[in-house]
Structure formats: C-alpha cells, structure tokens
Amino acid sequence: KIGMDASSNDSCQVHTHITTQSQFISQGVD
C-alpha cells in the first residue's frame, strides 16, 4: 500500500543477473 513490500516473496520478485568482471577490464586494473 506504501509502494512495495520487499519482505514478501509473494508480492515482490527479485531477479538477479550478475556475472563476473570482463577479463579485458580486469587485466587493466590489477
């Protein structure tokens, strides 16, 4: 009723799309 119920698995879905850092970036910052 406020704008989101993040505590509820039923009324709030979380989608995760996280990969590893690109090797072409990491080779320049290590």
PDB file of all heavy atoms in Angstrom:
ATOM      1  N   LYS A   1       0.814  -1.202   0.000  1.00  0.00           N
ATOM      2  CA  LYS A   1       0.000   0.000   0.000  1.00  0.00           C
ATOM      3  C   LYS A   1       0.857   1.265   0.000  1.00  0.00           C
ATOM      4  O   LYS A   1       0.404   2.331  -0.418  1.00  0.00           O
ATOM      5  CB  LYS A   1      -0.940   0.008   1.201  1.00  0.00           C
ATOM      6  CG  LYS A   1      -1.981  -1.108   1.172  1.00  0.00           C
ATOM      7  CD  LYS A   1      -2.855  -1.070   2.420  1.00  0.00           C
ATOM      8  CE  LYS A   1      -3.887  -2.193   2.396  1.00  0.00           C
ATOM      9  NZ  LYS A   1      -4.725  -2.201   3.636  1.00  0.00           N
ATOM     10  N   ILE A   2       2.089   1.150   0.500  1.00  0.00           N
ATOM     11  CA  ILE A   2       3.022   2.273   0.511  1.00  0.00           C
ATOM     12  C   ILE A   2       3.741   2.405  -0.814  1.00  0.00           C
ATOM     13  O   ILE A   2       4.039   3.498  -1.272  1.00  0.00           O
ATOM     14  CB  ILE A   2       4.033   2.100   1.657  1.00  0.00           C
ATOM     15  CG1 ILE A   2       3.328   2.204   2.999  1.00  0.00           C
ATOM     16  CG2 ILE A   2       5.137   3.148   1.578  1.00  0.00           C
ATOM     17  CD1 ILE A   2       4.225   1.913   4.189  1.00  0.00           C
ATOM     18  N   GLY A   3       4.029   1.311  -1.485  1.00  0.00           N
ATOM     19  CA  GLY A   3       4.750   1.330  -2.746  1.00  0.00           C
ATOM     20  C   GLY A   3       5.488   0.053  -3.063  1.00  0.00           C
ATOM     21  O   GLY A   3       5.807  -0.236  -4.213  1.00  0.00           O
ATOM     22  N   MET A   4       5.761  -0.787  -2.033  1.00  0.00           N
ATOM     23  CA  MET A   4       6.451  -2.052  -2.227  1.00  0.00           C
ATOM     24  C   MET A   4       6.517  -2.787  -0.900  1.00  0.00           C
ATOM     25  O   MET A   4       6.702  -2.173   0.153  1.00  0.00           O
ATOM     26  CB  MET A   4       7.878  -1.826  -2.752  1.00  0.00           C
ATOM     27  CG  MET A   4       8.783  -3.052  -2.730  1.00  0.00           C
ATOM     28  SD  MET A   4      10.487  -2.696  -3.198  1.00  0.00           S
ATOM     29  CE  MET A   4      10.314  -2.587  -4.956  1.00  0.00           C
ATOM     30  N   ASP A   5       6.355  -4.101  -0.955  1.00  0.00           N
ATOM     31  CA  ASP A   5       6.585  -4.941   0.217  1.00  0.00           C
ATOM     32  C   ASP A   5       7.747  -5.862  -0.110  1.00  0.00           C
ATOM     33  O   ASP A   5       7.569  -6.978  -0.595  1.00  0.00           O
ATOM     34  CB  ASP A   5       5.341  -5.751   0.586  1.00  0.00           C
ATOM     35  CG  ASP A   5       5.537  -6.575   1.857  1.00  0.00           C
ATOM     36  OD1 ASP A   5       6.643  -6.513   2.453  1.00  0.00           O
ATOM     37  OD2 ASP A   5       4.599  -7.284   2.262  1.00  0.00           O
ATOM     38  N   ALA A   6       8.964  -5.392   0.168  1.00  0.00           N
ATOM     39  CA  ALA A   6      10.161  -6.153  -0.164  1.00  0.00           C
ATOM     40  C   ALA A   6      10.332  -7.377   0.712  1.00  0.00           C
ATOM     41  O   ALA A   6      11.106  -8.282   0.371  1.00  0.00           O
ATOM     42  CB  ALA A   6      11.389  -5.255  -0.055  1.00  0.00           C
ATOM     43  N   SER A   7       9.626  -7.428   1.845  1.00  0.00           N
ATOM     44  CA  SER A   7       9.760  -8.562   2.762  1.00  0.00           C
ATOM     45  C   SER A   7       8.976  -9.784   2.306  1.00  0.00           C
ATOM     46  O   SER A   7       9.175 -10.878   2.832  1.00  0.00           O
ATOM     47  CB  SER A   7       9.300  -8.152   4.167  1.00  0.00           C
ATOM     48  OG  SER A   7       7.897  -7.858   4.178  1.00  0.00           O
ATOM     49  N   SER A   8       8.106  -9.619   1.320  1.00  0.00           N
ATOM     50  CA  SER A   8       7.219 -10.699   0.893  1.00  0.00           C
ATOM     51  C   SER A   8       7.710 -11.345  -0.405  1.00  0.00           C
ATOM     52  O   SER A   8       7.848 -10.668  -1.432  1.00  0.00           O
ATOM     53  CB  SER A   8       5.800 -10.164   0.680  1.00  0.00           C
ATOM     54  OG  SER A   8       4.979 -11.129   0.050  1.00  0.00           O
ATOM     55  N   ASN A   9       7.945 -12.647  -0.368  1.00  0.00           N
ATOM     56  CA  ASN A   9       8.314 -13.377  -1.577  1.00  0.00           C
ATOM     57  C   ASN A   9       7.163 -13.428  -2.570  1.00  0.00           C
ATOM     58  O   ASN A   9       7.374 -13.562  -3.771  1.00  0.00           O
ATOM     59  CB  ASN A   9       8.757 -14.798  -1.226  1.00  0.00           C
ATOM     60  CG  ASN A   9      10.071 -14.833  -0.473  1.00  0.00           C
ATOM     61  OD1 ASN A   9      10.896 -13.933  -0.598  1.00  0.00           O
ATOM     62  ND2 ASN A   9      10.267 -15.881   0.332  1.00  0.00           N
ATOM     63  N   ASP A  10       5.943 -13.365  -2.057  1.00  0.00           N
ATOM     64  CA  ASP A  10       4.769 -13.452  -2.924  1.00  0.00           C
ATOM     65  C   ASP A  10       4.500 -12.155  -3.683  1.00  0.00           C
ATOM     66  O   ASP A  10       4.173 -12.186  -4.869  1.00  0.00           O
ATOM     67  CB  ASP A  10       3.529 -13.822  -2.103  1.00  0.00           C
ATOM     68  CG  ASP A  10       3.621 -15.211  -1.501  1.00  0.00           C
ATOM     69  OD1 ASP A  10       4.263 -16.088  -2.124  1.00  0.00           O
ATOM     70  OD2 ASP A  10       3.060 -15.421  -0.398  1.00  0.00           O
ATOM     71  N   SER A  11       4.643 -11.013  -3.018  1.00  0.00           N
ATOM     72  CA  SER A  11       4.292  -9.747  -3.652  1.00  0.00           C
ATOM     73  C   SER A  11       5.487  -8.990  -4.214  1.00  0.00           C
ATOM     74  O   SER A  11       5.321  -7.961  -4.866  1.00  0.00           O
ATOM     75  CB  SER A  11       3.540  -8.842  -2.672  1.00  0.00           C
ATOM     76  OG  SER A  11       4.347  -8.512  -1.572  1.00  0.00           O
ATOM     77  N   CYS A  12       6.701  -9.471  -3.984  1.00  0.00           N
ATOM     78  CA  CYS A  12       7.901  -8.809  -4.510  1.00  0.00           C
ATOM     79  C   CYS A  12       8.846  -9.863  -5.071  1.00  0.00           C
ATOM     80  O   CYS A  12       9.329 -10.736  -4.349  1.00  0.00           O
ATOM     81  CB  CYS A  12       8.597  -7.993  -3.425  1.00  0.00           C
ATOM     82  SG  CYS A  12      10.084  -7.119  -3.994  1.00  0.00           S
ATOM     83  N   GLN A  13       9.126  -9.780  -6.357  1.00  0.00           N
ATOM     84  CA  GLN A  13      10.034 -10.697  -7.017  1.00  0.00           C
ATOM     85  C   GLN A  13      11.411 -10.056  -7.170  1.00  0.00           C
ATOM     86  O   GLN A  13      11.515  -8.856  -7.466  1.00  0.00           O
ATOM     87  CB  GLN A  13       9.493 -11.089  -8.402  1.00  0.00           C
ATOM     88  CG  GLN A  13       8.076 -11.646  -8.386  1.00  0.00           C
ATOM     89  CD  GLN A  13       7.959 -12.894  -7.555  1.00  0.00           C
ATOM     90  OE1 GLN A  13       8.784 -13.816  -7.675  1.00  0.00           O
ATOM     91  NE2 GLN A  13       6.958 -12.943  -6.680  1.00  0.00           N
ATOM     92  N   VAL A  14      12.463 -10.826  -6.955  1.00  0.00           N
ATOM     93  CA  VAL A  14      13.830 -10.357  -7.146  1.00  0.00           C
ATOM     94  C   VAL A  14      14.473 -11.171  -8.257  1.00  0.00           C
ATOM     95  O   VAL A  14      14.550 -12.406  -8.170  1.00  0.00           O
ATOM     96  CB  VAL A  14      14.663 -10.474  -5.861  1.00  0.00           C
ATOM     97  CG1 VAL A  14      16.095  -9.989  -6.116  1.00  0.00           C
ATOM     98  CG2 VAL A  14      14.030  -9.665  -4.723  1.00  0.00           C
ATOM     99  N   HIS A  15      14.936 -10.506  -9.303  1.00  0.00           N
ATOM    100  CA  HIS A  15      15.607 -11.154 -10.423  1.00  0.00           C
ATOM    101  C   HIS A  15      17.080 -10.751 -10.416  1.00  0.00           C
ATOM    102  O   HIS A  15      17.400  -9.560 -10.437  1.00  0.00           O
ATOM    103  CB  HIS A  15      14.961 -10.752 -11.751  1.00  0.00           C
ATOM    104  CG  HIS A  15      13.536 -11.179 -11.869  1.00  0.00           C
ATOM    105  ND1 HIS A  15      13.157 -12.332 -12.478  1.00  0.00           N
ATOM    106  CD2 HIS A  15      12.393 -10.605 -11.434  1.00  0.00           C
ATOM    107  CE1 HIS A  15      11.836 -12.457 -12.431  1.00  0.00           C
ATOM    108  NE2 HIS A  15      11.346 -11.416 -11.802  1.00  0.00           N
ATOM    109  N   THR A  16      17.963 -11.741 -10.401  1.00  0.00           N
ATOM    110  CA  THR A  16      19.396 -11.489 -10.304  1.00  0.00           C
ATOM    111  C   THR A  16      20.096 -11.891 -11.592  1.00  0.00           C
ATOM    112  O   THR A  16      19.966 -13.038 -12.054  1.00  0.00           O
ATOM    113  CB  THR A  16      20.006 -12.259  -9.125  1.00  0.00           C
ATOM    114  OG1 THR A  16      19.349 -11.868  -7.906  1.00  0.00           O
ATOM    115  CG2 THR A  16      21.485 -11.972  -8.999  1.00  0.00           C
ATOM    116  N   HIS A  17      20.837 -10.957 -12.172  1.00  0.00           N
ATOM    117  CA  HIS A  17      21.599 -11.192 -13.390  1.00  0.00           C
ATOM    118  C   HIS A  17      22.997 -10.602 -13.190  1.00  0.00           C
ATOM    119  O   HIS A  17      23.315  -9.513 -13.678  1.00  0.00           O
ATOM    120  CB  HIS A  17      20.905 -10.543 -14.600  1.00  0.00           C
ATOM    121  CG  HIS A  17      19.477 -10.956 -14.772  1.00  0.00           C
ATOM    122  ND1 HIS A  17      19.101 -12.104 -15.437  1.00  0.00           N
ATOM    123  CD2 HIS A  17      18.331 -10.385 -14.328  1.00  0.00           C
ATOM    124  CE1 HIS A  17      17.785 -12.215 -15.407  1.00  0.00           C
ATOM    125  NE2 HIS A  17      17.284 -11.192 -14.754  1.00  0.00           N
ATOM    126  N   ILE A  18      23.827 -11.317 -12.454  1.00  0.00           N
ATOM    127  CA  ILE A  18      25.164 -10.852 -12.105  1.00  0.00           C
ATOM    128  C   ILE A  18      26.195 -11.853 -12.599  1.00  0.00           C
ATOM    129  O   ILE A  18      26.133 -13.036 -12.263  1.00  0.00           O
ATOM    130  CB  ILE A  18      25.292 -10.629 -10.589  1.00  0.00           C
ATOM    131  CG1 ILE A  18      24.362  -9.485 -10.152  1.00  0.00           C
ATOM    132  CG2 ILE A  18      26.742 -10.307 -10.215  1.00  0.00           C
ATOM    133  CD1 ILE A  18      24.341  -9.240  -8.651  1.00  0.00           C
ATOM    134  N   THR A  19      27.140 -11.397 -13.397  1.00  0.00           N
ATOM    135  CA  THR A  19      28.218 -12.220 -13.919  1.00  0.00           C
ATOM    136  C   THR A  19      29.546 -11.744 -13.335  1.00  0.00           C
ATOM    137  O   THR A  19      29.590 -10.858 -12.481  1.00  0.00           O
ATOM    138  CB  THR A  19      28.263 -12.152 -15.450  1.00  0.00           C
ATOM    139  OG1 THR A  19      28.505 -10.785 -15.856  1.00  0.00           O
ATOM    140  CG2 THR A  19      26.929 -12.596 -16.053  1.00  0.00           C
ATOM    141  N   THR A  20      30.673 -12.321 -13.800  1.00  0.00           N
ATOM    142  CA  THR A  20      31.990 -11.887 -13.359  1.00  0.00           C
ATOM    143  C   THR A  20      32.493 -10.746 -14.234  1.00  0.00           C
ATOM    144  O   THR A  20      32.006 -10.533 -15.351  1.00  0.00           O
ATOM    145  CB  THR A  20      32.991 -13.048 -13.397  1.00  0.00           C
ATOM    146  OG1 THR A  20      33.053 -13.569 -14.736  1.00  0.00           O
ATOM    147  CG2 THR A  20      32.567 -14.150 -12.444  1.00  0.00           C
ATOM    148  N   GLN A  21      33.465  -9.994 -13.704  1.00  0.00           N
ATOM    149  CA  GLN A  21      34.032  -8.880 -14.443  1.00  0.00           C
ATOM    150  C   GLN A  21      34.756  -9.377 -15.694  1.00  0.00           C
ATOM    151  O   GLN A  21      35.432 -10.398 -15.679  1.00  0.00           O
ATOM    152  CB  GLN A  21      35.024  -8.097 -13.574  1.00  0.00           C
ATOM    153  CG  GLN A  21      35.590  -6.845 -14.229  1.00  0.00           C
ATOM    154  CD  GLN A  21      36.584  -6.131 -13.341  1.00  0.00           C
ATOM    155  OE1 GLN A  21      37.618  -6.678 -12.960  1.00  0.00           O
ATOM    156  NE2 GLN A  21      36.280  -4.877 -12.993  1.00  0.00           N
ATOM    157  N   SER A  22      34.613  -8.641 -16.783  1.00  0.00           N
ATOM    158  CA  SER A  22      35.287  -8.972 -18.031  1.00  0.00           C
ATOM    159  C   SER A  22      36.801  -9.028 -17.836  1.00  0.00           C
ATOM    160  O   SER A  22      37.393  -8.163 -17.187  1.00  0.00           O
ATOM    161  CB  SER A  22      34.953  -7.929 -19.098  1.00  0.00           C
ATOM    162  OG  SER A  22      35.858  -7.994 -20.182  1.00  0.00           O
ATOM    163  N   GLN A  23      37.456 -10.053 -18.415  1.00  0.00           N
ATOM    164  CA  GLN A  23      38.906 -10.175 -18.301  1.00  0.00           C
ATOM    165  C   GLN A  23      39.625  -9.016 -18.974  1.00  0.00           C
ATOM    166  O   GLN A  23      40.746  -8.660 -18.609  1.00  0.00           O
ATOM    167  CB  GLN A  23      39.364 -11.497 -18.902  1.00  0.00           C
ATOM    168  CG  GLN A  23      39.095 -11.633 -20.409  1.00  0.00           C
ATOM    169  CD  GLN A  23      39.625 -12.919 -20.981  1.00  0.00           C
ATOM    170  OE1 GLN A  23      40.330 -13.637 -20.355  1.00  0.00           O
ATOM    171  NE2 GLN A  23      39.314 -13.224 -22.197  1.00  0.00           N
ATOM    172  N   PHE A  24      38.984  -8.409 -19.948  1.00  0.00           N
ATOM    173  CA  PHE A  24      39.606  -7.299 -20.661  1.00  0.00           C
ATOM    174  C   PHE A  24      39.614  -6.024 -19.816  1.00  0.00           C
ATOM    175  O   PHE A  24      40.413  -5.128 -20.049  1.00  0.00           O
ATOM    176  CB  PHE A  24      38.888  -7.063 -21.986  1.00  0.00           C
ATOM    177  CG  PHE A  24      38.901  -8.264 -22.883  1.00  0.00           C
ATOM    178  CD1 PHE A  24      37.754  -9.012 -23.087  1.00  0.00           C
ATOM    179  CD2 PHE A  24      40.074  -8.664 -23.499  1.00  0.00           C
ATOM    180  CE1 PHE A  24      37.772 -10.137 -23.898  1.00  0.00           C
ATOM    181  CE2 PHE A  24      40.099  -9.796 -24.316  1.00  0.00           C
ATOM    182  CZ  PHE A  24      38.956 -10.530 -24.504  1.00  0.00           C
ATOM    183  N   ILE A  25      38.718  -5.946 -18.840  1.00  0.00           N
ATOM    184  CA  ILE A  25      38.753  -4.855 -17.876  1.00  0.00           C
ATOM    185  C   ILE A  25      39.706  -5.187 -16.736  1.00  0.00           C
ATOM    186  O   ILE A  25      40.565  -4.380 -16.368  1.00  0.00           O
ATOM    187  CB  ILE A  25      37.341  -4.551 -17.323  1.00  0.00           C
ATOM    188  CG1 ILE A  25      36.430  -4.053 -18.444  1.00  0.00           C
ATOM    189  CG2 ILE A  25      37.409  -3.533 -16.186  1.00  0.00           C
ATOM    190  CD1 ILE A  25      34.989  -3.838 -17.997  1.00  0.00           C
ATOM    191  N   SER A  26      39.585  -6.394 -16.193  1.00  0.00           N
ATOM    192  CA  SER A  26      40.380  -6.770 -15.024  1.00  0.00           C
ATOM    193  C   SER A  26      41.869  -6.732 -15.308  1.00  0.00           C
ATOM    194  O   SER A  26      42.666  -6.395 -14.425  1.00  0.00           O
ATOM    195  CB  SER A  26      39.971  -8.161 -14.528  1.00  0.00           C
ATOM    196  OG  SER A  26      40.213  -9.157 -15.504  1.00  0.00           O
ATOM    197  N   GLN A  27      42.299  -7.064 -16.525  1.00  0.00           N
ATOM    198  CA  GLN A  27      43.730  -7.062 -16.817  1.00  0.00           C
ATOM    199  C   GLN A  27      44.325  -5.658 -16.773  1.00  0.00           C
ATOM    200  O   GLN A  27      45.532  -5.489 -16.620  1.00  0.00           O
ATOM    201  CB  GLN A  27      43.989  -7.686 -18.195  1.00  0.00           C
ATOM    202  CG  GLN A  27      43.464  -6.891 -19.376  1.00  0.00           C
ATOM    203  CD  GLN A  27      43.635  -7.628 -20.699  1.00  0.00           C
ATOM    204  OE1 GLN A  27      44.015  -8.803 -20.718  1.00  0.00           O
ATOM    205  NE2 GLN A  27      43.358  -6.969 -21.817  1.00  0.00           N
ATOM    206  N   GLY A  28      43.465  -4.635 -16.885  1.00  0.00           N
ATOM    207  CA  GLY A  28      43.950  -3.263 -16.828  1.00  0.00           C
ATOM    208  C   GLY A  28      43.932  -2.645 -15.454  1.00  0.00           C
ATOM    209  O   GLY A  28      44.553  -1.607 -15.228  1.00  0.00           O
ATOM    210  N   VAL A  29      43.191  -3.259 -14.509  1.00  0.00           N
ATOM    211  CA  VAL A  29      43.058  -2.652 -13.184  1.00  0.00           C
ATOM    212  C   VAL A  29      43.720  -3.468 -12.088  1.00  0.00           C
ATOM    213  O   VAL A  29      43.689  -3.081 -10.922  1.00  0.00           O
ATOM    214  CB  VAL A  29      41.574  -2.413 -12.831  1.00  0.00           C
ATOM    215  CG1 VAL A  29      40.943  -1.456 -13.808  1.00  0.00           C
ATOM    216  CG2 VAL A  29      40.798  -3.729 -12.803  1.00  0.00           C
ATOM    217  N   ASP A  30      44.317  -4.607 -12.446  1.00  0.00           N
ATOM    218  CA  ASP A  30      45.075  -5.379 -11.472  1.00  0.00           C
ATOM    219  C   ASP A  30      46.517  -4.890 -11.462  1.00  0.00           C
ATOM    220  O   ASP A  30      47.068  -4.510 -12.480  1.00  0.00           O
ATOM    221  CB  ASP A  30      45.026  -6.872 -11.808  1.00  0.00           C
ATOM    222  CG  ASP A  30      43.634  -7.462 -11.630  1.00  0.00           C
ATOM    223  OD1 ASP A  30      42.867  -6.947 -10.791  1.00  0.00           O
ATOM    224  OD2 ASP A  30      43.309  -8.431 -12.348  1.00  0.00           O
TER     225      ASP A  30
END
